[in-house]
Every structure is written in structure tokens, then in C-alpha cells.
Amino acid sequence: MPKRYPVEVKDRAVRMVRDDEGDYGSVTAACVAVGGQLGLARETLRRWVEQAVVDDGTRPGVGPG
């Protein structure tokens, strides 16, 4: 069963990645750095960031259910 994280943790992690993305050159590199700081898996964090980009309308896609 997947581990559940509180919404506050997800929001903070996504915000950190989006704020620092320019410093790392890519979303994946930012996810590696931020994930290491917060104890989150890179791929989990990358998926959260990608969903946030869709949810805020920056990129087309399917939002949450």
C-alpha cells in the first residue's frame, strides 16, 4: 500500500521544487535535491509537481478526480 503524506507536506515540497527549479536546470534535478532534504522519493515528488502544473492550468491535462 502506498504511503500517504499530509496535504501540507505535499504543498510545501511542490512549492520548494517550483521555487528552486531554475537553480537546478530541470524539475527532476530539483526533485532529487528537495526530496533528499525532506526524505521524499524523487519520483513521488516529480509526480506531485507534474500534477500541480496541470491543476494550476499551466499545462493541459486531467486534474484530480
PDB file of N, CA and C in Angstrom:
ATOM      1  N   MET A   1       0.843  -1.179   0.000  1.00  0.00           N
ATOM      2  CA  MET A   1       0.000   0.000   0.000  1.00  0.00           C
ATOM      3  C   MET A   1       0.892   1.247   0.000  1.00  0.00           C
ATOM      4  N   PRO A   2       0.573   2.233  -0.848  1.00  0.00           N
ATOM      5  CA  PRO A   2       1.395   3.443  -0.904  1.00  0.00           C
ATOM      6  C   PRO A   2       1.326   4.235   0.396  1.00  0.00           C
ATOM      7  N   LYS A   3       2.420   4.904   0.688  1.00  0.00           N
ATOM      8  CA  LYS A   3       2.479   5.754   1.875  1.00  0.00           C
ATOM      9  C   LYS A   3       1.697   7.038   1.599  1.00  0.00           C
ATOM     10  N   ARG A   4       0.923   7.478   2.561  1.00  0.00           N
ATOM     11  CA  ARG A   4       0.142   8.716   2.437  1.00  0.00           C
ATOM     12  C   ARG A   4       0.869   9.848   3.132  1.00  0.00           C
ATOM     13  N   TYR A   5       0.892  10.994   2.484  1.00  0.00           N
ATOM     14  CA  TYR A   5       1.515  12.179   3.054  1.00  0.00           C
ATOM     15  C   TYR A   5       0.448  13.239   3.279  1.00  0.00           C
ATOM     16  N   PRO A   6       0.575  14.013   4.337  1.00  0.00           N
ATOM     17  CA  PRO A   6      -0.380  15.105   4.567  1.00  0.00           C
ATOM     18  C   PRO A   6      -0.305  16.130   3.429  1.00  0.00           C
ATOM     19  N   VAL A   7      -1.422  16.772   3.163  1.00  0.00           N
ATOM     20  CA  VAL A   7      -1.504  17.775   2.100  1.00  0.00           C
ATOM     21  C   VAL A   7      -0.473  18.881   2.324  1.00  0.00           C
ATOM     22  N   GLU A   8      -0.241  19.256   3.568  1.00  0.00           N
ATOM     23  CA  GLU A   8       0.719  20.315   3.873  1.00  0.00           C
ATOM     24  C   GLU A   8       2.121  19.937   3.424  1.00  0.00           C
ATOM     25  N   VAL A   9       2.491  18.661   3.593  1.00  0.00           N
ATOM     26  CA  VAL A   9       3.814  18.188   3.173  1.00  0.00           C
ATOM     27  C   VAL A   9       3.919  18.254   1.654  1.00  0.00           C
ATOM     28  N   LYS A  10       2.889  17.778   0.967  1.00  0.00           N
ATOM     29  CA  LYS A  10       2.901  17.812  -0.499  1.00  0.00           C
ATOM     30  C   LYS A  10       3.003  19.244  -1.010  1.00  0.00           C
ATOM     31  N   ASP A  11       2.185  20.122  -0.457  1.00  0.00           N
ATOM     32  CA  ASP A  11       2.184  21.514  -0.908  1.00  0.00           C
ATOM     33  C   ASP A  11       3.542  22.179  -0.692  1.00  0.00           C
ATOM     34  N   ARG A  12       4.124  21.950   0.463  1.00  0.00           N
ATOM     35  CA  ARG A  12       5.428  22.549   0.763  1.00  0.00           C
ATOM     36  C   ARG A  12       6.499  22.019  -0.176  1.00  0.00           C
ATOM     37  N   ALA A  13       6.510  20.705  -0.397  1.00  0.00           N
ATOM     38  CA  ALA A  13       7.513  20.093  -1.265  1.00  0.00           C
ATOM     39  C   ALA A  13       7.379  20.598  -2.700  1.00  0.00           C
ATOM     40  N   VAL A  14       6.158  20.658  -3.207  1.00  0.00           N
ATOM     41  CA  VAL A  14       5.922  21.147  -4.570  1.00  0.00           C
ATOM     42  C   VAL A  14       6.356  22.603  -4.682  1.00  0.00           C
ATOM     43  N   ARG A  15       6.025  23.394  -3.706  1.00  0.00           N
ATOM     44  CA  ARG A  15       6.407  24.816  -3.717  1.00  0.00           C
ATOM     45  C   ARG A  15       7.932  24.959  -3.722  1.00  0.00           C
ATOM     46  N   MET A  16       8.617  24.147  -2.929  1.00  0.00           N
ATOM     47  CA  MET A  16      10.078  24.201  -2.888  1.00  0.00           C
ATOM     48  C   MET A  16      10.680  23.843  -4.244  1.00  0.00           C
ATOM     49  N   VAL A  17      10.170  22.807  -4.883  1.00  0.00           N
ATOM     50  CA  VAL A  17      10.685  22.402  -6.194  1.00  0.00           C
ATOM     51  C   VAL A  17      10.442  23.497  -7.220  1.00  0.00           C
ATOM     52  N   ARG A  18       9.236  24.027  -7.259  1.00  0.00           N
ATOM     53  CA  ARG A  18       8.912  25.055  -8.250  1.00  0.00           C
ATOM     54  C   ARG A  18       9.725  26.325  -8.015  1.00  0.00           C
ATOM     55  N   ASP A  19       9.976  26.670  -6.766  1.00  0.00           N
ATOM     56  CA  ASP A  19      10.776  27.853  -6.456  1.00  0.00           C
ATOM     57  C   ASP A  19      12.246  27.666  -6.839  1.00  0.00           C
ATOM     58  N   ASP A  20      12.769  26.446  -6.687  1.00  0.00           N
ATOM     59  CA  ASP A  20      14.193  26.171  -6.898  1.00  0.00           C
ATOM     60  C   ASP A  20      14.517  25.574  -8.263  1.00  0.00           C
ATOM     61  N   GLU A  21      13.515  25.311  -9.083  1.00  0.00           N
ATOM     62  CA  GLU A  21      13.732  24.643 -10.366  1.00  0.00           C
ATOM     63  C   GLU A  21      14.789  25.349 -11.213  1.00  0.00           C
ATOM     64  N   GLY A  22      14.760  26.666 -11.258  1.00  0.00           N
ATOM     65  CA  GLY A  22      15.725  27.416 -12.055  1.00  0.00           C
ATOM     66  C   GLY A  22      17.161  27.224 -11.601  1.00  0.00           C
ATOM     67  N   ASP A  23      17.363  26.971 -10.331  1.00  0.00           N
ATOM     68  CA  ASP A  23      18.708  26.761  -9.792  1.00  0.00           C
ATOM     69  C   ASP A  23      19.290  25.416 -10.198  1.00  0.00           C
ATOM     70  N   TYR A  24      18.430  24.461 -10.531  1.00  0.00           N
ATOM     71  CA  TYR A  24      18.890  23.109 -10.835  1.00  0.00           C
ATOM     72  C   TYR A  24      18.850  22.762 -12.321  1.00  0.00           C
ATOM     73  N   GLY A  25      18.136  23.520 -13.120  1.00  0.00           N
ATOM     74  CA  GLY A  25      18.115  23.273 -14.553  1.00  0.00           C
ATOM     75  C   GLY A  25      17.021  22.338 -15.017  1.00  0.00           C
ATOM     76  N   SER A  26      16.418  21.581 -14.121  1.00  0.00           N
ATOM     77  CA  SER A  26      15.309  20.705 -14.507  1.00  0.00           C
ATOM     78  C   SER A  26      14.469  20.377 -13.285  1.00  0.00           C
ATOM     79  N   VAL A  27      13.239  19.967 -13.545  1.00  0.00           N
ATOM     80  CA  VAL A  27      12.349  19.564 -12.460  1.00  0.00           C
ATOM     81  C   VAL A  27      12.915  18.334 -11.754  1.00  0.00           C
ATOM     82  N   THR A  28      13.429  17.392 -12.523  1.00  0.00           N
ATOM     83  CA  THR A  28      13.946  16.162 -11.930  1.00  0.00           C
ATOM     84  C   THR A  28      15.107  16.454 -10.986  1.00  0.00           C
ATOM     85  N   ALA A  29      16.034  17.303 -11.414  1.00  0.00           N
ATOM     86  CA  ALA A  29      17.175  17.641 -10.548  1.00  0.00           C
ATOM     87  C   ALA A  29      16.702  18.349  -9.281  1.00  0.00           C
ATOM     88  N   ALA A  30      15.735  19.232  -9.416  1.00  0.00           N
ATOM     89  CA  ALA A  30      15.185  19.911  -8.246  1.00  0.00           C
ATOM     90  C   ALA A  30      14.495  18.905  -7.324  1.00  0.00           C
ATOM     91  N   CYS A  31      13.810  17.933  -7.895  1.00  0.00           N
ATOM     92  CA  CYS A  31      13.136  16.900  -7.097  1.00  0.00           C
ATOM     93  C   CYS A  31      14.141  16.038  -6.338  1.00  0.00           C
ATOM     94  N   VAL A  32      15.267  15.747  -6.962  1.00  0.00           N
ATOM     95  CA  VAL A  32      16.310  14.979  -6.280  1.00  0.00           C
ATOM     96  C   VAL A  32      16.801  15.760  -5.061  1.00  0.00           C
ATOM     97  N   ALA A  33      17.083  17.048  -5.251  1.00  0.00           N
ATOM     98  CA  ALA A  33      17.615  17.869  -4.161  1.00  0.00           C
ATOM     99  C   ALA A  33      16.585  18.066  -3.052  1.00  0.00           C
ATOM    100  N   VAL A  34      15.387  18.485  -3.408  1.00  0.00           N
ATOM    101  CA  VAL A  34      14.351  18.746  -2.408  1.00  0.00           C
ATOM    102  C   VAL A  34      13.901  17.449  -1.746  1.00  0.00           C
ATOM    103  N   GLY A  35      13.758  16.406  -2.541  1.00  0.00           N
ATOM    104  CA  GLY A  35      13.377  15.111  -1.982  1.00  0.00           C
ATOM    105  C   GLY A  35      14.378  14.620  -0.953  1.00  0.00           C
ATOM    106  N   GLY A  36      15.659  14.845  -1.221  1.00  0.00           N
ATOM    107  CA  GLY A  36      16.697  14.467  -0.266  1.00  0.00           C
ATOM    108  C   GLY A  36      16.592  15.252   1.031  1.00  0.00           C
ATOM    109  N   GLN A  37      16.243  16.520   0.929  1.00  0.00           N
ATOM    110  CA  GLN A  37      16.101  17.355   2.117  1.00  0.00           C
ATOM    111  C   GLN A  37      14.905  16.936   2.962  1.00  0.00           C
ATOM    112  N   LEU A  38      13.825  16.535   2.289  1.00  0.00           N
ATOM    113  CA  LEU A  38      12.578  16.232   3.001  1.00  0.00           C
ATOM    114  C   LEU A  38      12.335  14.738   3.221  1.00  0.00           C
ATOM    115  N   GLY A  39      13.215  13.897   2.710  1.00  0.00           N
ATOM    116  CA  GLY A  39      13.041  12.459   2.869  1.00  0.00           C
ATOM    117  C   GLY A  39      11.957  11.885   1.975  1.00  0.00           C
ATOM    118  N   LEU A  40      11.792  12.461   0.777  1.00  0.00           N
ATOM    119  CA  LEU A  40      10.792  12.003  -0.183  1.00  0.00           C
ATOM    120  C   LEU A  40      11.474  11.391  -1.396  1.00  0.00           C
ATOM    121  N   ALA A  41      10.845  10.400  -1.982  1.00  0.00           N
ATOM    122  CA  ALA A  41      11.379   9.799  -3.192  1.00  0.00           C
ATOM    123  C   ALA A  41      11.276  10.777  -4.360  1.00  0.00           C
ATOM    124  N   ARG A  42      12.307  10.802  -5.192  1.00  0.00           N
ATOM    125  CA  ARG A  42      12.355  11.703  -6.344  1.00  0.00           C
ATOM    126  C   ARG A  42      11.132  11.555  -7.232  1.00  0.00           C
ATOM    127  N   GLU A  43      10.770  10.338  -7.558  1.00  0.00           N
ATOM    128  CA  GLU A  43       9.664  10.115  -8.489  1.00  0.00           C
ATOM    129  C   GLU A  43       8.323  10.519  -7.880  1.00  0.00           C
ATOM    130  N   THR A  44       8.137  10.287  -6.607  1.00  0.00           N
ATOM    131  CA  THR A  44       6.914  10.718  -5.931  1.00  0.00           C
ATOM    132  C   THR A  44       6.775  12.233  -6.026  1.00  0.00           C
ATOM    133  N   LEU A  45       7.838  12.921  -5.711  1.00  0.00           N
ATOM    134  CA  LEU A  45       7.830  14.378  -5.748  1.00  0.00           C
ATOM    135  C   LEU A  45       7.647  14.890  -7.173  1.00  0.00           C
ATOM    136  N   ARG A  46       8.295  14.263  -8.139  1.00  0.00           N
ATOM    137  CA  ARG A  46       8.149  14.680  -9.538  1.00  0.00           C
ATOM    138  C   ARG A  46       6.700  14.545 -10.004  1.00  0.00           C
ATOM    139  N   ARG A  47       6.035  13.467  -9.611  1.00  0.00           N
ATOM    140  CA  ARG A  47       4.619  13.285  -9.976  1.00  0.00           C
ATOM    141  C   ARG A  47       3.750  14.352  -9.331  1.00  0.00           C
ATOM    142  N   TRP A  48       4.017  14.696  -8.083  1.00  0.00           N
ATOM    143  CA  TRP A  48       3.261  15.758  -7.414  1.00  0.00           C
ATOM    144  C   TRP A  48       3.428  17.080  -8.151  1.00  0.00           C
ATOM    145  N   VAL A  49       4.658  17.385  -8.563  1.00  0.00           N
ATOM    146  CA  VAL A  49       4.925  18.637  -9.269  1.00  0.00           C
ATOM    147  C   VAL A  49       4.201  18.643 -10.616  1.00  0.00           C
ATOM    148  N   GLU A  50       4.282  17.548 -11.344  1.00  0.00           N
ATOM    149  CA  GLU A  50       3.606  17.472 -12.644  1.00  0.00           C
ATOM    150  C   GLU A  50       2.099  17.654 -12.487  1.00  0.00           C
ATOM    151  N   GLN A  51       1.505  17.065 -11.458  1.00  0.00           N
ATOM    152  CA  GLN A  51       0.072  17.219 -11.223  1.00  0.00           C
ATOM    153  C   GLN A  51      -0.262  18.654 -10.839  1.00  0.00           C
ATOM    154  N   ALA A  52       0.589  19.292 -10.062  1.00  0.00           N
ATOM    155  CA  ALA A  52       0.357  20.684  -9.670  1.00  0.00           C
ATOM    156  C   ALA A  52       0.374  21.601 -10.888  1.00  0.00           C
ATOM    157  N   VAL A  53       1.241  21.325 -11.845  1.00  0.00           N
ATOM    158  CA  VAL A  53       1.316  22.123 -13.069  1.00  0.00           C
ATOM    159  C   VAL A  53       0.019  21.984 -13.870  1.00  0.00           C
ATOM    160  N   VAL A  54      -0.531  20.792 -13.912  1.00  0.00           N
ATOM    161  CA  VAL A  54      -1.816  20.575 -14.592  1.00  0.00           C
ATOM    162  C   VAL A  54      -2.937  21.250 -13.816  1.00  0.00           C
ATOM    163  N   ASP A  55      -2.946  21.067 -12.504  1.00  0.00           N
ATOM    164  CA  ASP A  55      -4.016  21.610 -11.667  1.00  0.00           C
ATOM    165  C   ASP A  55      -4.095  23.140 -11.736  1.00  0.00           C
ATOM    166  N   ASP A  56      -2.954  23.809 -11.850  1.00  0.00           N
ATOM    167  CA  ASP A  56      -2.991  25.272 -11.892  1.00  0.00           C
ATOM    168  C   ASP A  56      -3.180  25.819 -13.306  1.00  0.00           C
ATOM    169  N   GLY A  57      -3.345  24.933 -14.288  1.00  0.00           N
ATOM    170  CA  GLY A  57      -3.651  25.355 -15.645  1.00  0.00           C
ATOM    171  C   GLY A  57      -2.452  25.727 -16.485  1.00  0.00           C
ATOM    172  N   THR A  58      -1.243  25.531 -15.969  1.00  0.00           N
ATOM    173  CA  THR A  58      -0.040  25.853 -16.727  1.00  0.00           C
ATOM    174  C   THR A  58       0.134  24.904 -17.909  1.00  0.00           C
ATOM    175  N   ARG A  59      -0.278  23.669 -17.730  1.00  0.00           N
ATOM    176  CA  ARG A  59      -0.169  22.663 -18.778  1.00  0.00           C
ATOM    177  C   ARG A  59      -1.510  21.927 -18.875  1.00  0.00           C
ATOM    178  N   PRO A  60      -1.962  21.605 -20.096  1.00  0.00           N
ATOM    179  CA  PRO A  60      -3.211  20.857 -20.220  1.00  0.00           C
ATOM    180  C   PRO A  60      -3.044  19.440 -19.667  1.00  0.00           C
ATOM    181  N   GLY A  61      -4.123  18.907 -19.187  1.00  0.00           N
ATOM    182  CA  GLY A  61      -4.129  17.549 -18.664  1.00  0.00           C
ATOM    183  C   GLY A  61      -5.366  17.329 -17.821  1.00  0.00           C
ATOM    184  N   VAL A  62      -5.414  16.179 -17.205  1.00  0.00           N
ATOM    185  CA  VAL A  62      -6.558  15.808 -16.390  1.00  0.00           C
ATOM    186  C   VAL A  62      -6.264  16.119 -14.929  1.00  0.00           C
ATOM    187  N   GLY A  63      -7.145  16.870 -14.317  1.00  0.00           N
ATOM    188  CA  GLY A  63      -6.997  17.208 -12.909  1.00  0.00           C
ATOM    189  C   GLY A  63      -7.472  16.074 -12.025  1.00  0.00           C
ATOM    190  N   PRO A  64      -7.469  16.308 -10.737  1.00  0.00           N
ATOM    191  CA  PRO A  64      -7.909  15.258  -9.814  1.00  0.00           C
ATOM    192  C   PRO A  64      -9.384  14.936  -9.990  1.00  0.00           C
ATOM    193  N   GLY A  65      -9.688  13.666  -9.827  1.00  0.00           N
ATOM    194  CA  GLY A  65     -10.961  13.017  -9.952  1.00  0.00           C
ATOM    195  C   GLY A  65     -12.170  13.790  -9.943  1.00  0.00           C
TER     196      GLY A  65
END
